[in-house]
Amino acid sequence: MLVWSLVVLLSFAVLAAGGLYMVLRLRNMQIWMADYLRRRSPPPVTGPVHVMFCFVDHFEPMWKGADLDTERARVDRWCRDYRALAGRHRDADGRPPQHSFFYPEEEYRKEHLDKVASLCADGFGEIEIHLHHDNDTEANFRECMSRFAKTLNEQHGALPIDPETGQIRFAFIHGNWCLDNSRKDGRWCGLNNELILLRELGCYADFTLPAAPSEAQTSTVNRIYYAKDDPHCAKSHDTGIPVRVGGQASGDLMIIQGPLGLNWKSRRMGIIPRIENSDIRRSSPPTPDRVDAWVNAGIHVEGRPEWIFVKIHTHGTQEPDMDTLLGEPSEQMHRYLEERYNDGVHHVLHYVTSREMYNIVKAAEAGMIGNPNQYRDYALPPPPSSWAGAREAVAQGAAA
């Protein structure tokens, strides 16, 4: 009887393990779970923790092949409602929330970018580059990316100019998450040397990740690191060298990841935790427990745990999610950030663009200390259109 009981228990254990593995594979969690479980909390720090909060947007006005009137309505709502939303909030430095609009090259329409550029020039964010492509060639990629960067800079006052080289620099988000040809079937990219090409074209950092539950998700999670491209293999950014204090640029491209983990406060069927992938939409609003999870992920430059980097993302022009992104859920998120993570004793909040986040990362790498606000323009200056607007926004915050 004892032997049969042990056999039954072992059988149940095997079935449970098999079921768990199937659940993991259904959401591609086997790709990243090992690194997630290995991660330790940042070491304790003396003094306040500075929280760099960056909201990046796969901003696609032509989503689902919309007609021109729909495109215009989407852009107009953002330029109206985000201005009002962000205008009601300030960080420790008097800055309103900053929105990084990653605009798709293949959806370029001058009138839309003129409006977004005007919003950014008033101190509410910056424009960067997004791209959807499939079965691409190196020649086409170079041509379209160079052309788009030049257009954004010259026609819309976007993108910084490198003070050392004179090159236009940009941040990048890959459409369909497929940076460096990272799908097994090779769809939605086509370039195994994409990291090299991006570096040569002026990309200062990639902001695509996390990609979960997509198979394009890397095995490395919750880190800031340098990836070295192998032009003969896909997904070269799966691992890399962490950015650390006293280190230096290594490899081809800096990868800045947003928080990825398990949300035990939101469970399927009350049992299985949902994936926390820092994506904001109607079905996953930015609740206080999620904000806590983002901060607690502790993404930082090694050796500088008192500077925490929180990068969240969305697809901002999709109508089902706009009330969440431009309405009360986001109001609540900013109120919570400013109450919980901006007391000046335990935490100090800084709203940053993707460029500013990169600059502060580089400052940490160089060993800079103190208030990271002073390093927003450390390596790359603001884009041409933002000087007056940024100064005005800070002045208004100080006067409020």
Protein backbone atom coordinates (compact mmCIF):
# COMPACT_ATOMS: atom_id res chain seq x y z
CA MET A 1 0.00 0.00 0.00
CA LEU A 2 2.81 2.40 0.90
CA VAL A 3 4.54 1.71 -2.43
CA TRP A 4 1.35 2.41 -4.39
CA SER A 5 0.78 5.63 -2.44
CA LEU A 6 4.27 6.78 -3.31
CA VAL A 7 3.70 5.90 -6.96
CA VAL A 8 0.46 7.90 -7.01
CA LEU A 9 2.10 10.89 -5.34
CA LEU A 10 5.04 10.73 -7.76
CA SER A 11 2.64 10.53 -10.70
CA PHE A 12 0.78 13.61 -9.49
CA ALA A 13 4.09 15.44 -9.04
CA VAL A 14 5.17 14.56 -12.59
CA LEU A 15 1.81 15.68 -13.99
CA ALA A 16 1.96 18.93 -12.01
CA ALA A 17 5.49 19.62 -13.24
CA GLY A 18 4.42 18.86 -16.80
CA GLY A 19 1.41 21.14 -16.47
CA LEU A 20 3.55 23.93 -15.06
CA TYR A 21 6.00 23.61 -17.94
CA MET A 22 3.14 23.77 -20.44
CA VAL A 23 1.85 26.95 -18.79
CA LEU A 24 5.33 28.44 -18.99
CA ARG A 25 5.68 27.57 -22.67
CA LEU A 26 2.25 28.94 -23.58
CA ARG A 27 3.48 32.38 -22.51
CA ASN A 28 7.14 31.81 -23.49
CA MET A 29 8.07 32.23 -19.84
CA GLN A 30 10.71 29.50 -20.04
CA ILE A 31 12.85 32.00 -21.98
CA TRP A 32 13.31 34.42 -19.08
CA MET A 33 12.17 32.74 -15.88
CA ALA A 34 15.61 31.44 -14.86
CA ASP A 35 17.22 34.88 -14.95
CA TYR A 36 14.23 36.42 -13.20
CA LEU A 37 14.49 33.91 -10.34
CA ARG A 38 18.25 34.48 -10.05
CA ARG A 39 17.95 38.23 -9.65
CA ARG A 40 18.60 39.66 -6.20
CA SER A 41 17.27 42.85 -4.70
CA PRO A 42 19.58 45.86 -4.99
CA PRO A 43 21.86 46.36 -1.97
CA PRO A 44 20.65 48.79 0.70
CA VAL A 45 21.53 52.43 0.15
CA THR A 46 22.20 55.43 2.36
CA GLY A 47 19.97 58.39 1.69
CA PRO A 48 17.09 58.68 -0.77
CA VAL A 49 16.61 56.46 -3.80
CA HIS A 50 16.23 58.48 -7.01
CA VAL A 51 13.57 57.06 -9.33
CA MET A 52 13.94 57.86 -13.03
CA PHE A 53 10.49 57.33 -14.58
CA CYS A 54 10.34 57.04 -18.38
CA PHE A 55 7.18 56.40 -20.44
CA VAL A 56 7.89 55.23 -24.00
CA ASP A 57 5.16 54.96 -26.62
CA HIS A 58 4.89 52.87 -29.79
CA PHE A 59 2.96 55.82 -31.25
CA GLU A 60 1.14 54.58 -34.36
CA PRO A 61 -1.54 56.95 -35.74
CA MET A 62 -2.21 54.62 -38.71
CA TRP A 63 -3.03 51.64 -36.46
CA LYS A 64 -5.29 49.13 -38.24
CA GLY A 65 -5.13 51.08 -41.50
CA ALA A 66 -7.19 53.99 -40.20
CA ASP A 67 -8.46 56.70 -42.53
CA LEU A 68 -6.95 60.17 -42.34
CA ASP A 69 -9.74 61.63 -40.19
CA THR A 70 -9.21 58.88 -37.60
CA GLU A 71 -5.45 59.43 -37.65
CA ARG A 72 -5.98 63.14 -37.05
CA ALA A 73 -8.42 62.51 -34.22
CA ARG A 74 -5.91 60.24 -32.47
CA VAL A 75 -3.05 62.73 -32.71
CA ASP A 76 -5.26 65.70 -31.78
CA ARG A 77 -6.54 63.94 -28.68
CA TRP A 78 -3.00 63.23 -27.51
CA CYS A 79 -1.85 66.78 -28.11
CA ARG A 80 -4.86 68.13 -26.22
CA ASP A 81 -5.40 65.65 -23.40
CA TYR A 82 -1.79 64.81 -22.62
CA ARG A 83 -0.94 68.49 -22.33
CA ALA A 84 -3.72 68.86 -19.76
CA LEU A 85 -2.82 65.66 -17.90
CA ALA A 86 0.92 66.31 -17.68
CA GLY A 87 0.33 69.96 -16.84
CA ARG A 88 -1.24 68.94 -13.53
CA HIS A 89 1.84 67.03 -12.32
CA ARG A 90 5.45 67.79 -11.40
CA ASP A 91 8.45 65.80 -10.25
CA ALA A 92 11.09 66.86 -7.71
CA ASP A 93 12.72 69.09 -10.31
CA GLY A 94 9.57 70.94 -11.37
CA ARG A 95 9.31 68.91 -14.58
CA PRO A 96 5.96 67.60 -15.88
CA PRO A 97 5.69 63.94 -16.94
CA GLN A 98 7.75 63.28 -20.05
CA HIS A 99 6.42 61.15 -22.91
CA SER A 100 8.81 59.64 -25.45
CA PHE A 101 6.96 59.29 -28.76
CA PHE A 102 8.61 56.51 -30.79
CA TYR A 103 7.14 57.34 -34.18
CA PRO A 104 7.10 54.68 -36.96
CA GLU A 105 9.16 55.49 -40.04
CA GLU A 106 6.67 53.72 -42.28
CA GLU A 107 3.79 55.86 -40.93
CA TYR A 108 5.38 59.24 -41.54
CA ARG A 109 2.90 62.03 -42.12
CA LYS A 110 4.21 65.56 -41.72
CA GLU A 111 1.08 67.08 -40.23
CA HIS A 112 1.00 64.51 -37.42
CA LEU A 113 4.63 64.99 -36.52
CA ASP A 114 4.27 68.77 -36.62
CA LYS A 115 1.63 68.50 -33.90
CA VAL A 116 3.59 66.04 -31.77
CA ALA A 117 6.73 68.14 -32.19
CA SER A 118 4.84 71.19 -30.95
CA LEU A 119 3.73 69.29 -27.84
CA CYS A 120 7.33 68.21 -27.23
CA ALA A 121 8.67 71.73 -27.83
CA ASP A 122 6.39 72.89 -25.02
CA GLY A 123 8.31 70.64 -22.61
CA PHE A 124 6.18 67.47 -22.51
CA GLY A 125 8.45 64.93 -24.19
CA GLU A 126 10.64 64.04 -27.13
CA ILE A 127 10.33 62.16 -30.43
CA GLU A 128 12.35 59.01 -31.21
CA ILE A 129 12.32 56.29 -33.89
CA HIS A 130 10.10 53.22 -34.21
CA LEU A 131 10.15 50.82 -37.16
CA HIS A 132 8.11 47.89 -38.43
CA HIS A 133 9.81 45.96 -41.21
CA ASP A 134 9.93 42.44 -42.62
CA ASN A 135 12.46 40.56 -44.74
CA ASP A 136 14.51 43.75 -44.90
CA THR A 137 17.89 44.31 -46.53
CA GLU A 138 20.88 46.16 -45.13
CA ALA A 139 20.82 48.71 -47.95
CA ASN A 140 17.12 49.50 -47.50
CA PHE A 141 17.45 49.68 -43.71
CA ARG A 142 20.34 52.12 -43.93
CA GLU A 143 18.54 54.31 -46.45
CA CYS A 144 15.17 54.52 -44.68
CA MET A 145 16.61 55.01 -41.19
CA SER A 146 19.06 57.69 -42.32
CA ARG A 147 16.34 59.51 -44.25
CA PHE A 148 13.89 59.39 -41.35
CA ALA A 149 16.41 60.59 -38.77
CA LYS A 150 17.33 63.51 -41.03
CA THR A 151 13.66 64.36 -41.61
CA LEU A 152 12.85 64.30 -37.90
CA ASN A 153 15.80 66.52 -37.11
CA GLU A 154 15.56 69.02 -39.95
CA GLN A 155 11.78 69.21 -40.42
CA HIS A 156 10.56 68.74 -36.84
CA GLY A 157 13.41 69.81 -34.55
CA ALA A 158 13.64 66.31 -33.08
CA LEU A 159 16.64 64.11 -32.19
CA PRO A 160 19.88 65.37 -30.65
CA ILE A 161 23.12 66.09 -32.46
CA ASP A 162 26.19 64.40 -31.00
CA PRO A 163 28.45 67.23 -29.79
CA GLU A 164 31.59 65.22 -30.58
CA THR A 165 30.77 63.75 -33.99
CA GLY A 166 28.00 65.97 -35.35
CA GLN A 167 25.92 62.84 -36.06
CA ILE A 168 22.16 62.74 -35.52
CA ARG A 169 21.49 60.36 -32.61
CA PHE A 170 18.29 58.50 -31.74
CA ALA A 171 16.72 55.89 -29.50
CA PHE A 172 15.02 52.91 -31.11
CA ILE A 173 12.06 50.60 -30.54
CA HIS A 174 11.63 47.67 -32.92
CA GLY A 175 8.15 46.93 -34.24
CA ASN A 176 6.71 43.54 -33.29
CA TRP A 177 9.49 43.31 -30.66
CA CYS A 178 11.78 41.61 -33.19
CA LEU A 179 15.08 43.41 -32.65
CA ASP A 180 17.97 41.67 -34.43
CA ASN A 181 15.75 39.12 -36.16
CA SER A 182 14.69 37.60 -32.85
CA ARG A 183 11.69 35.51 -33.96
CA LYS A 184 12.43 31.89 -34.73
CA ASP A 185 10.62 32.12 -38.08
CA GLY A 186 12.59 35.23 -39.09
CA ARG A 187 9.50 37.39 -39.57
CA TRP A 188 9.28 41.14 -38.96
CA CYS A 189 12.95 41.91 -39.37
CA GLY A 190 15.39 39.99 -41.58
CA LEU A 191 18.66 41.51 -40.34
CA ASN A 192 21.05 39.46 -38.20
CA ASN A 193 23.41 42.45 -38.01
CA GLU A 194 20.79 44.97 -36.91
CA LEU A 195 22.64 46.00 -33.75
CA ILE A 196 25.72 46.91 -35.78
CA LEU A 197 23.63 48.85 -38.28
CA LEU A 198 21.82 50.77 -35.56
CA ARG A 199 25.09 51.74 -33.90
CA GLU A 200 26.56 52.94 -37.19
CA LEU A 201 23.42 54.93 -38.00
CA GLY A 202 23.47 56.80 -34.69
CA CYS A 203 21.31 54.79 -32.29
CA TYR A 204 22.41 55.45 -28.72
CA ALA A 205 20.21 52.81 -27.03
CA ASP A 206 17.41 50.35 -27.69
CA PHE A 207 14.19 50.59 -25.63
CA THR A 208 12.25 47.64 -27.12
CA LEU A 209 12.30 45.31 -24.10
CA PRO A 210 10.55 43.73 -22.34
CA ALA A 211 8.81 41.84 -25.14
CA ALA A 212 7.11 39.13 -23.03
CA PRO A 213 5.01 37.17 -23.75
CA SER A 214 6.49 37.28 -27.27
CA GLU A 215 9.15 34.73 -28.17
CA ALA A 216 11.33 37.73 -29.02
CA GLN A 217 11.85 38.29 -25.28
CA THR A 218 15.46 37.90 -24.17
CA SER A 219 16.68 35.53 -21.48
CA THR A 220 18.23 38.56 -19.77
CA VAL A 221 15.72 40.60 -17.76
CA ASN A 222 15.59 43.71 -15.59
CA ARG A 223 18.99 45.02 -16.62
CA ILE A 224 20.82 47.72 -18.50
CA TYR A 225 23.59 46.19 -20.58
CA TYR A 226 25.69 46.32 -23.73
CA ALA A 227 24.98 43.76 -26.44
CA LYS A 228 27.59 42.53 -28.92
CA ASP A 229 26.25 41.68 -32.37
CA ASP A 230 27.12 38.43 -34.11
CA PRO A 231 26.20 39.22 -37.73
CA HIS A 232 25.84 35.51 -38.47
CA CYS A 233 23.28 34.85 -35.74
CA ALA A 234 19.94 36.29 -34.70
CA LYS A 235 19.02 37.74 -31.29
CA SER A 236 22.56 38.74 -30.33
CA HIS A 237 21.15 40.93 -27.55
CA ASP A 238 19.88 37.89 -25.64
CA THR A 239 22.74 38.44 -23.19
CA GLY A 240 25.36 41.12 -22.70
CA ILE A 241 27.72 42.97 -20.39
CA PRO A 242 26.02 44.96 -17.60
CA VAL A 243 26.58 48.70 -17.52
CA ARG A 244 28.56 49.38 -14.35
CA VAL A 245 30.15 52.28 -12.49
CA GLY A 246 33.67 52.74 -13.77
CA GLY A 247 32.99 50.69 -16.90
CA GLN A 248 32.91 51.79 -20.49
CA ALA A 249 30.89 51.24 -23.64
CA SER A 250 31.25 47.66 -24.84
CA GLY A 251 29.83 45.81 -27.80
CA ASP A 252 27.48 47.46 -30.26
CA LEU A 253 24.40 48.79 -28.51
CA MET A 254 23.12 49.66 -25.05
CA ILE A 255 19.92 47.82 -24.13
CA ILE A 256 17.68 49.57 -21.58
CA GLN A 257 15.00 47.19 -20.33
CA GLY A 258 11.78 47.91 -18.52
CA PRO A 259 10.58 45.81 -15.56
CA LEU A 260 9.55 42.21 -16.19
CA GLY A 261 8.33 39.73 -13.61
CA LEU A 262 5.31 38.08 -12.02
CA ASN A 263 2.35 39.95 -10.57
CA TRP A 264 1.13 37.86 -7.64
CA LYS A 265 -1.58 40.39 -6.85
CA SER A 266 -3.23 39.73 -10.20
CA ARG A 267 -3.75 36.01 -10.85
CA ARG A 268 -5.55 33.98 -13.48
CA MET A 269 -8.25 31.86 -11.85
CA GLY A 270 -6.93 33.16 -8.54
CA ILE A 271 -3.86 30.91 -8.84
CA ILE A 272 -1.50 31.69 -11.70
CA PRO A 273 0.27 35.06 -11.45
CA ARG A 274 0.07 37.29 -14.50
CA ILE A 275 3.13 38.53 -16.31
CA GLU A 276 4.18 42.03 -15.27
CA ASN A 277 5.70 43.39 -18.49
CA SER A 278 5.34 47.15 -17.82
CA ASP A 279 2.74 47.51 -20.59
CA ILE A 280 -0.04 50.04 -19.95
CA ARG A 281 -3.47 49.63 -21.52
CA ARG A 282 -7.14 49.31 -20.52
CA SER A 283 -6.74 45.64 -19.61
CA SER A 284 -3.64 46.39 -17.51
CA PRO A 285 -3.99 49.87 -15.96
CA PRO A 286 -1.12 51.44 -14.01
CA THR A 287 -2.32 50.61 -10.50
CA PRO A 288 -0.33 51.43 -7.33
CA ASP A 289 0.71 47.78 -6.87
CA ARG A 290 2.16 47.78 -10.39
CA VAL A 291 4.04 51.02 -9.72
CA ASP A 292 5.52 49.39 -6.62
CA ALA A 293 6.53 46.35 -8.67
CA TRP A 294 8.29 48.55 -11.25
CA VAL A 295 10.32 50.34 -8.61
CA ASN A 296 11.02 47.15 -6.68
CA ALA A 297 12.47 45.55 -9.82
CA GLY A 298 15.45 47.71 -8.95
CA ILE A 299 16.85 48.20 -12.45
CA HIS A 300 20.08 50.13 -12.01
CA VAL A 301 23.64 50.60 -13.19
CA GLU A 302 25.79 48.16 -11.25
CA GLY A 303 27.45 50.03 -8.40
CA ARG A 304 24.81 52.78 -8.30
CA PRO A 305 21.74 51.12 -6.65
CA GLU A 306 20.44 54.46 -5.37
CA TRP A 307 19.48 55.40 -8.95
CA ILE A 308 16.55 53.27 -10.11
CA PHE A 309 15.39 53.25 -13.74
CA VAL A 310 11.72 52.55 -14.49
CA LYS A 311 10.75 52.34 -18.16
CA ILE A 312 7.14 51.53 -19.01
CA HIS A 313 5.52 51.38 -22.45
CA THR A 314 2.27 51.55 -24.36
CA HIS A 315 0.69 51.76 -27.83
CA GLY A 316 -0.80 55.19 -27.34
CA THR A 317 -3.07 55.66 -30.35
CA GLN A 318 -5.29 52.62 -29.88
CA GLU A 319 -8.78 53.85 -28.99
CA PRO A 320 -9.62 51.10 -26.47
CA ASP A 321 -6.69 52.25 -24.30
CA MET A 322 -6.85 56.03 -24.65
CA ASP A 323 -9.13 56.61 -21.67
CA THR A 324 -6.62 54.72 -19.53
CA LEU A 325 -3.59 56.56 -20.90
CA LEU A 326 -5.11 60.04 -20.91
CA GLY A 327 -7.69 59.73 -18.15
CA GLU A 328 -8.13 58.91 -14.49
CA PRO A 329 -5.96 55.74 -14.36
CA SER A 330 -2.91 57.72 -15.46
CA GLU A 331 -3.86 60.62 -13.20
CA GLN A 332 -3.92 58.13 -10.34
CA MET A 333 -0.55 56.70 -11.38
CA HIS A 334 1.12 60.11 -11.32
CA ARG A 335 -0.52 61.05 -8.03
CA TYR A 336 0.78 57.84 -6.50
CA LEU A 337 4.27 58.35 -7.91
CA GLU A 338 4.38 61.87 -6.54
CA GLU A 339 3.05 60.88 -3.11
CA ARG A 340 4.85 57.55 -2.59
CA TYR A 341 8.12 58.12 -4.44
CA ASN A 342 8.83 61.82 -4.05
CA ASP A 343 9.02 62.56 -0.32
CA GLY A 344 12.64 63.71 -0.57
CA VAL A 345 13.67 61.46 2.31
CA HIS A 346 13.21 57.93 1.05
CA HIS A 347 12.66 58.64 -2.64
CA VAL A 348 13.10 61.43 -5.18
CA LEU A 349 11.12 61.29 -8.43
CA HIS A 350 12.45 62.39 -11.81
CA TYR A 351 10.30 62.32 -14.95
CA VAL A 352 12.70 61.68 -17.85
CA THR A 353 12.65 61.14 -21.60
CA SER A 354 14.44 58.18 -23.14
CA ARG A 355 17.37 60.45 -24.04
CA GLU A 356 17.58 61.76 -20.49
CA MET A 357 17.42 58.23 -19.10
CA TYR A 358 20.34 57.25 -21.35
CA ASN A 359 22.31 60.32 -20.25
CA ILE A 360 21.81 59.51 -16.58
CA VAL A 361 22.87 55.90 -17.22
CA LYS A 362 26.05 57.18 -18.87
CA ALA A 363 26.66 59.56 -15.95
CA ALA A 364 26.35 56.66 -13.50
CA GLU A 365 28.73 54.61 -15.63
CA ALA A 366 31.24 57.50 -15.46
CA GLY A 367 31.02 57.54 -11.67
CA MET A 368 28.91 60.68 -11.25
CA ILE A 369 27.10 60.99 -7.92
CA GLY A 370 24.48 63.18 -6.27
CA ASN A 371 21.20 64.35 -7.79
CA PRO A 372 20.80 62.76 -11.25
CA ASN A 373 18.74 65.74 -12.40
CA GLN A 374 22.01 67.52 -13.22
CA TYR A 375 22.90 64.78 -15.73
CA ARG A 376 19.81 64.88 -17.95
CA ASP A 377 21.99 66.25 -20.78
CA TYR A 378 25.23 64.55 -19.73
CA ALA A 379 26.24 62.92 -23.04
CA LEU A 380 23.66 64.07 -25.58
CA PRO A 381 22.08 67.55 -25.62
CA PRO A 382 18.35 68.15 -26.04
CA PRO A 383 16.94 68.13 -29.57
CA PRO A 384 16.81 71.53 -31.28
CA SER A 385 13.14 72.22 -30.56
CA SER A 386 13.14 71.53 -26.83
CA TRP A 387 15.30 74.25 -25.28
CA ALA A 388 12.69 76.98 -24.85
CA GLY A 389 9.86 74.60 -23.97
CA ALA A 390 11.84 72.74 -21.33
CA ARG A 391 12.94 75.97 -19.65
CA GLU A 392 9.37 77.28 -19.68
CA ALA A 393 7.98 74.05 -18.18
CA VAL A 394 10.52 74.16 -15.33
CA ALA A 395 9.74 77.84 -14.70
CA GLN A 396 6.02 77.11 -14.53
CA GLY A 397 6.63 74.24 -12.12
CA ALA A 398 8.74 76.41 -9.84
CA ALA A 399 6.04 79.11 -9.82
CA ALA A 400 3.17 76.68 -9.14
